[in-house]
Amino acid sequence: MKHRFLSAAAIAAGMLVVGGSAVAQDYPKKGKAINLIVPFAPGGASDILARIVGQKLNEQWETPVIVQNKPGGDMVIALQSVARSEKDGYTIGLTTSSFALNKVVKKDFPVDPIADFAFIGTIGQSPYLLAVSTDSKIKSFKELEAASQAQNSKFSYASCCFGTYFAAEMIKNATKLDGVHVPYKGSSPALNAMLAKEVEYIIDTTTATKPFVASGKLRPLMVTGRKRSASFPEVPSMSEAGVPGSFEVGVWYGFVFPAGTPADIVKKTNAALNKILAMPEVKAKIESFDIEVMTSTPEQMTARVNSDLQSYITTVKTAKLEFGN
């Protein structure tokens, strides 16, 4: 009986392997639409990336890829739509590094960034830029540190969102930089506050700040990566500016399936994504939006999300940050 049981188990296991492979071989079915869910309104970086990659997937797989914008609720509407969809590979979600951050800052955030998704792979990343007004006498990050210590509570900085707020607090925790946080609802009001001299410095995306640097209204002091940005080759990295440690802060973009999607489908989609991102015309187009192409395996994206989540949790505890829901 024991031998018969083992044989049956072995046969069953073999059927599962064959079944999984068969699913991947048949995916995607030609002509069957793939829905690509974007958690932001049309026109932003996430939407642009989705449409660039979606078009190439359409060409590569000869099947429609329909981009659906579902903004609202700090990504909740879109992410819930993905998490609750069929686990058949025909619903893909575009997400950013902020979806792990939302879980930390919102106690009632209804989506679990780890348990609810199968990670396909990353698309690209962009550091933030720390800048002051060109009217400021401050010319370097070290000078900003010293000035913030001297002026103490009178020194302030602008943020556009939780991501840039976290970036500032992580840098403050690692250095002697000081400054009272002044939150704004978006990059435009935050940048306008900076230009109106309501705050002493700002941290925002390279995409948002680039026009102001180009027009001579902002003086960049550093990018928040450990290497220089192609968009700002003359601006020091965090390491060069004197920020210790190995952490980096910025925004990255990636694709996810709902948790439980067959591993073979995840692997096949990751291979297709990385093939697309290696195309010179795709790489050039993405980089024109100040986003550095960043490929990964599903396992590497999983590790990135876990690492981000732990960094956010640590920052909340050490900086004693509090958030409303």
Protein backbone atom coordinates (compact mmCIF):
# COMPACT_ATOMS: atom_id res chain seq x y z
CA MET A 1 0.00 0.00 0.00
CA LYS A 2 2.81 2.37 0.89
CA HIS A 3 4.46 1.88 -2.50
CA ARG A 4 1.17 2.40 -4.29
CA PHE A 5 0.57 5.62 -2.34
CA LEU A 6 4.01 6.97 -3.20
CA SER A 7 3.52 6.10 -6.84
CA ALA A 8 0.18 7.88 -6.92
CA ALA A 9 1.72 10.93 -5.26
CA ALA A 10 4.55 10.94 -7.78
CA ILE A 11 2.08 10.71 -10.65
CA ALA A 12 0.02 13.55 -9.20
CA ALA A 13 3.12 15.73 -8.80
CA GLY A 14 4.09 15.00 -12.39
CA MET A 15 0.64 15.97 -13.59
CA LEU A 16 0.94 19.30 -11.74
CA VAL A 17 4.27 20.06 -13.42
CA VAL A 18 2.96 19.14 -16.85
CA GLY A 19 -0.24 21.07 -16.18
CA GLY A 20 1.67 24.17 -15.13
CA SER A 21 3.90 23.99 -18.20
CA ALA A 22 0.88 23.53 -20.44
CA VAL A 23 -0.71 26.64 -18.98
CA ALA A 24 2.42 28.68 -19.72
CA GLN A 25 2.73 27.26 -23.24
CA ASP A 26 -0.84 28.33 -23.98
CA TYR A 27 -0.30 31.81 -22.48
CA PRO A 28 -1.26 34.26 -23.74
CA LYS A 29 -3.96 33.05 -26.07
CA LYS A 30 -3.75 34.94 -29.33
CA GLY A 31 -6.44 37.60 -29.47
CA LYS A 32 -7.40 37.38 -25.79
CA ALA A 33 -7.02 40.82 -24.19
CA ILE A 34 -4.65 41.52 -21.34
CA ASN A 35 -5.78 44.30 -19.00
CA LEU A 36 -2.97 46.52 -17.76
CA ILE A 37 -4.15 48.44 -14.68
CA VAL A 38 -2.50 51.78 -13.83
CA PRO A 39 -3.22 53.38 -10.42
CA PHE A 40 -2.83 56.94 -11.68
CA ALA A 41 -4.49 59.27 -14.17
CA PRO A 42 -3.33 59.38 -17.81
CA GLY A 43 -0.25 61.42 -18.63
CA GLY A 44 2.00 60.64 -15.65
CA ALA A 45 5.16 58.55 -15.59
CA SER A 46 3.31 55.34 -14.61
CA ASP A 47 0.82 55.75 -17.43
CA ILE A 48 3.57 56.48 -19.94
CA LEU A 49 5.54 53.38 -18.91
CA ALA A 50 2.44 51.18 -19.10
CA ARG A 51 1.66 52.34 -22.62
CA ILE A 52 5.24 51.96 -23.86
CA VAL A 53 5.54 48.39 -22.56
CA GLY A 54 1.91 47.53 -23.37
CA GLN A 55 2.38 48.41 -27.01
CA LYS A 56 5.46 46.20 -27.28
CA LEU A 57 3.72 43.31 -25.52
CA ASN A 58 0.92 43.68 -28.05
CA GLU A 59 3.41 43.40 -30.91
CA GLN A 60 5.39 40.56 -29.33
CA TRP A 61 2.44 38.41 -28.29
CA GLU A 62 -0.05 39.45 -30.99
CA THR A 63 -2.75 40.01 -28.41
CA PRO A 64 -4.49 43.23 -27.29
CA VAL A 65 -3.06 44.95 -24.22
CA ILE A 66 -5.61 47.40 -22.85
CA VAL A 67 -4.35 50.09 -20.46
CA GLN A 68 -6.95 50.96 -17.84
CA ASN A 69 -6.38 53.98 -15.59
CA LYS A 70 -7.92 53.57 -12.14
CA PRO A 71 -6.67 56.45 -9.99
CA GLY A 72 -7.78 57.16 -6.46
CA GLY A 73 -7.41 56.08 -2.85
CA ASP A 74 -3.58 56.23 -2.90
CA MET A 75 -3.47 53.35 -5.40
CA VAL A 76 -6.09 51.29 -3.51
CA ILE A 77 -8.70 51.20 -6.28
CA ALA A 78 -6.26 49.87 -8.88
CA LEU A 79 -4.39 47.50 -6.58
CA GLN A 80 -7.58 45.94 -5.23
CA SER A 81 -8.77 45.46 -8.80
CA VAL A 82 -5.58 43.55 -9.60
CA ALA A 83 -5.50 41.54 -6.35
CA ARG A 84 -9.10 40.38 -6.81
CA SER A 85 -8.81 39.50 -10.50
CA GLU A 86 -8.56 36.01 -11.98
CA LYS A 87 -5.15 34.38 -11.48
CA ASP A 88 -4.79 33.58 -15.17
CA GLY A 89 -2.25 36.16 -16.34
CA TYR A 90 -4.75 38.41 -18.10
CA THR A 91 -4.69 41.19 -15.51
CA ILE A 92 -1.38 42.96 -14.88
CA GLY A 93 -0.93 45.85 -12.47
CA LEU A 94 1.63 48.62 -12.70
CA THR A 95 2.83 49.65 -9.28
CA THR A 96 5.43 51.93 -7.75
CA SER A 97 7.58 51.77 -4.64
CA SER A 98 4.87 53.77 -2.85
CA PHE A 99 2.55 50.79 -2.53
CA ALA A 100 4.72 49.32 0.25
CA LEU A 101 4.96 52.76 1.83
CA ASN A 102 1.17 53.10 1.90
CA LYS A 103 0.95 49.93 4.01
CA VAL A 104 3.24 51.51 6.60
CA VAL A 105 1.67 54.97 6.80
CA LYS A 106 -1.98 53.89 6.57
CA LYS A 107 -3.08 51.53 9.33
CA ASP A 108 -6.25 50.55 7.46
CA PHE A 109 -4.66 50.17 4.01
CA PRO A 110 -6.66 47.22 2.60
CA VAL A 111 -3.99 45.77 0.30
CA ASP A 112 -0.98 43.74 1.45
CA PRO A 113 2.03 44.53 -0.77
CA ILE A 114 3.58 41.13 -0.08
CA ALA A 115 0.73 38.63 0.30
CA ASP A 116 -1.66 39.93 -2.37
CA PHE A 117 0.64 39.96 -5.40
CA ALA A 118 2.97 37.88 -7.55
CA PHE A 119 5.86 40.07 -8.66
CA ILE A 120 6.72 40.06 -12.37
CA GLY A 121 9.66 42.45 -12.55
CA THR A 122 10.78 46.05 -12.30
CA ILE A 123 10.73 48.53 -15.18
CA GLY A 124 12.70 51.55 -14.10
CA GLN A 125 13.68 53.87 -11.31
CA SER A 126 14.30 57.53 -10.70
CA PRO A 127 16.02 59.21 -7.76
CA TYR A 128 14.75 62.32 -6.07
CA LEU A 129 16.55 65.64 -6.22
CA LEU A 130 17.37 67.80 -3.19
CA ALA A 131 17.49 71.46 -4.17
CA VAL A 132 17.46 75.02 -2.88
CA SER A 133 16.53 78.28 -4.55
CA THR A 134 19.21 79.82 -6.74
CA ASP A 135 18.88 82.92 -4.54
CA SER A 136 20.16 80.88 -1.59
CA LYS A 137 23.77 81.24 -0.46
CA ILE A 138 23.92 77.48 0.10
CA LYS A 139 26.02 75.71 -2.55
CA SER A 140 26.41 72.15 -1.19
CA PHE A 141 24.71 69.55 1.00
CA LYS A 142 27.29 70.10 3.76
CA GLU A 143 26.48 73.82 3.74
CA LEU A 144 22.79 72.94 3.95
CA GLU A 145 23.50 70.70 6.96
CA ALA A 146 25.37 73.50 8.72
CA ALA A 147 22.71 76.10 7.94
CA SER A 148 19.90 73.85 9.16
CA GLN A 149 21.73 73.27 12.45
CA ALA A 150 22.35 76.99 12.93
CA GLN A 151 18.74 78.05 12.22
CA ASN A 152 17.17 74.98 13.86
CA SER A 153 13.37 75.28 14.11
CA LYS A 154 13.23 78.15 11.62
CA PHE A 155 14.52 75.86 8.88
CA SER A 156 11.91 73.96 6.82
CA TYR A 157 11.54 71.80 3.74
CA ALA A 158 8.76 71.01 1.27
CA SER A 159 7.50 67.57 0.25
CA CYS A 160 4.96 66.64 -2.39
CA CYS A 161 3.96 63.23 -1.02
CA PHE A 162 4.78 60.45 1.43
CA GLY A 163 7.64 59.27 -0.77
CA THR A 164 9.58 62.53 -0.69
CA TYR A 165 8.73 63.02 2.99
CA PHE A 166 10.26 59.63 3.74
CA ALA A 167 13.29 60.47 1.64
CA ALA A 168 13.92 63.62 3.66
CA GLU A 169 13.47 61.85 7.00
CA MET A 170 15.80 58.99 6.04
CA ILE A 171 18.48 61.50 5.02
CA LYS A 172 17.92 63.48 8.22
CA ASN A 173 18.32 60.29 10.27
CA ALA A 174 21.65 59.54 8.60
CA THR A 175 23.10 63.07 8.78
CA LYS A 176 22.96 66.30 10.78
CA LEU A 177 20.43 67.80 8.37
CA ASP A 178 17.48 69.40 10.14
CA GLY A 179 14.24 71.02 8.98
CA VAL A 180 10.56 71.19 9.79
CA HIS A 181 8.41 69.22 7.37
CA VAL A 182 5.88 71.26 5.38
CA PRO A 183 3.62 68.95 3.32
CA TYR A 184 2.04 69.96 0.01
CA LYS A 185 -0.51 68.15 -2.13
CA GLY A 186 1.63 67.55 -5.18
CA SER A 187 4.81 68.68 -6.87
CA SER A 188 3.42 71.92 -8.28
CA PRO A 189 2.42 73.52 -4.95
CA ALA A 190 5.59 72.22 -3.29
CA LEU A 191 7.78 73.74 -6.01
CA ASN A 192 5.82 77.00 -5.94
CA ALA A 193 6.39 77.18 -2.17
CA MET A 194 10.10 76.67 -2.76
CA LEU A 195 10.21 79.46 -5.33
CA ALA A 196 8.18 81.74 -3.03
CA LYS A 197 10.82 81.12 -0.32
CA GLU A 198 8.29 79.63 2.07
CA VAL A 199 10.76 76.79 2.72
CA GLU A 200 14.55 76.47 2.60
CA TYR A 201 14.86 73.25 0.59
CA ILE A 202 12.84 70.68 -1.30
CA ILE A 203 13.04 67.01 -2.25
CA ASP A 204 11.06 66.00 -5.32
CA THR A 205 11.30 63.81 -8.40
CA THR A 206 13.89 64.53 -11.07
CA THR A 207 11.05 64.73 -13.60
CA ALA A 208 9.28 67.50 -11.67
CA THR A 209 12.38 69.50 -10.76
CA LYS A 210 14.27 69.31 -14.05
CA PRO A 211 12.47 72.26 -15.76
CA PHE A 212 13.13 74.48 -12.73
CA VAL A 213 16.81 73.55 -12.68
CA ALA A 214 17.05 74.15 -16.44
CA SER A 215 15.42 77.58 -16.12
CA GLY A 216 17.81 78.58 -13.32
CA LYS A 217 15.21 78.75 -10.56
CA LEU A 218 16.50 75.83 -8.49
CA ARG A 219 20.04 74.87 -7.48
CA PRO A 220 20.42 71.08 -7.15
CA LEU A 221 22.60 69.92 -4.25
CA MET A 222 22.39 66.14 -4.73
CA VAL A 223 20.41 63.29 -6.19
CA THR A 224 19.22 60.68 -3.70
CA GLY A 225 20.90 57.70 -5.34
CA ARG A 226 24.34 56.21 -4.70
CA LYS A 227 25.42 57.10 -8.22
CA ARG A 228 24.89 60.18 -10.33
CA SER A 229 21.77 60.55 -12.45
CA ALA A 230 22.00 60.64 -16.24
CA SER A 231 19.52 63.53 -16.11
CA PHE A 232 21.82 65.54 -13.82
CA PRO A 233 25.37 64.37 -14.58
CA GLU A 234 26.92 67.38 -12.83
CA VAL A 235 25.00 66.90 -9.57
CA PRO A 236 26.66 64.87 -6.76
CA SER A 237 25.22 61.55 -5.61
CA MET A 238 24.40 61.01 -1.92
CA SER A 239 27.78 59.36 -1.37
CA GLU A 240 29.64 62.23 -3.01
CA ALA A 241 27.58 64.78 -1.08
CA GLY A 242 28.54 63.17 2.22
CA VAL A 243 25.50 61.08 3.19
CA PRO A 244 26.75 57.89 4.91
CA GLY A 245 25.25 54.44 4.56
CA SER A 246 24.15 52.31 1.63
CA PHE A 247 20.46 53.21 1.42
CA GLU A 248 18.96 54.96 -1.59
CA VAL A 249 15.67 56.79 -1.89
CA GLY A 250 13.58 57.46 -4.96
CA VAL A 251 10.74 55.94 -6.91
CA TRP A 252 10.71 52.72 -8.91
CA TYR A 253 8.09 51.10 -11.15
CA GLY A 254 7.18 47.47 -11.72
CA PHE A 255 4.53 44.97 -12.84
CA VAL A 256 2.53 42.57 -10.66
CA PHE A 257 -0.02 39.77 -11.07
CA PRO A 258 -2.52 38.77 -8.39
CA ALA A 259 -1.04 36.30 -5.88
CA GLY A 260 -1.52 32.72 -7.01
CA THR A 261 -0.83 33.32 -10.69
CA PRO A 262 1.08 30.23 -12.00
CA ALA A 263 4.85 30.62 -11.65
CA ASP A 264 5.40 29.64 -15.31
CA ILE A 265 3.20 32.53 -16.47
CA VAL A 266 5.08 34.92 -14.17
CA LYS A 267 8.41 33.69 -15.55
CA LYS A 268 7.24 33.96 -19.16
CA THR A 269 5.96 37.50 -18.65
CA ASN A 270 9.19 38.53 -16.90
CA ALA A 271 11.20 37.26 -19.89
CA ALA A 272 8.99 39.23 -22.28
CA LEU A 273 9.26 42.38 -20.15
CA ASN A 274 13.05 42.21 -19.92
CA LYS A 275 13.31 41.60 -23.67
CA ILE A 276 11.24 44.74 -24.29
CA LEU A 277 13.30 46.84 -21.85
CA ALA A 278 16.49 45.77 -23.66
CA MET A 279 15.25 47.27 -26.97
CA PRO A 280 17.30 50.42 -27.73
CA GLU A 281 14.26 52.43 -28.83
CA VAL A 282 12.33 51.50 -25.69
CA LYS A 283 15.29 52.28 -23.42
CA ALA A 284 15.79 55.66 -25.08
CA LYS A 285 12.12 56.57 -24.81
CA ILE A 286 11.90 55.65 -21.12
CA GLU A 287 15.10 57.51 -20.31
CA SER A 288 13.75 60.63 -22.06
CA PHE A 289 11.31 60.86 -19.13
CA ASP A 290 14.19 60.89 -16.59
CA ILE A 291 13.61 57.25 -15.68
CA GLU A 292 16.50 54.77 -15.68
CA VAL A 293 15.58 51.35 -17.05
CA MET A 294 15.92 48.72 -14.31
CA THR A 295 15.25 45.07 -15.10
CA SER A 296 14.93 42.30 -12.54
CA THR A 297 13.80 38.75 -11.95
CA PRO A 298 10.57 38.16 -10.01
CA GLU A 299 12.69 37.12 -7.04
CA GLN A 300 14.73 40.33 -7.15
CA MET A 301 11.56 42.46 -7.26
CA THR A 302 10.20 40.51 -4.28
CA ALA A 303 13.41 41.22 -2.36
CA ARG A 304 13.20 44.91 -3.31
CA VAL A 305 9.66 45.23 -1.94
CA ASN A 306 10.61 43.45 1.28
CA SER A 307 13.67 45.65 1.68
CA ASP A 308 11.67 48.83 1.09
CA LEU A 309 9.03 47.73 3.58
CA GLN A 310 11.62 47.13 6.30
CA SER A 311 13.32 50.48 5.57
CA TYR A 312 10.01 52.30 5.88
CA ILE A 313 9.15 50.54 9.15
CA THR A 314 12.59 51.35 10.58
CA THR A 315 12.32 55.00 9.55
CA VAL A 316 8.89 55.35 11.16
CA LYS A 317 10.25 53.96 14.45
CA THR A 318 13.56 55.83 14.57
CA ALA A 319 12.17 59.17 13.40
CA LYS A 320 8.97 58.69 15.44
CA LEU A 321 6.83 59.65 12.48
CA GLU A 322 3.06 59.76 12.84
CA PHE A 323 0.45 59.73 10.10
CA GLY A 324 -3.26 60.25 9.88
CA ASN A 325 -5.44 57.82 7.90
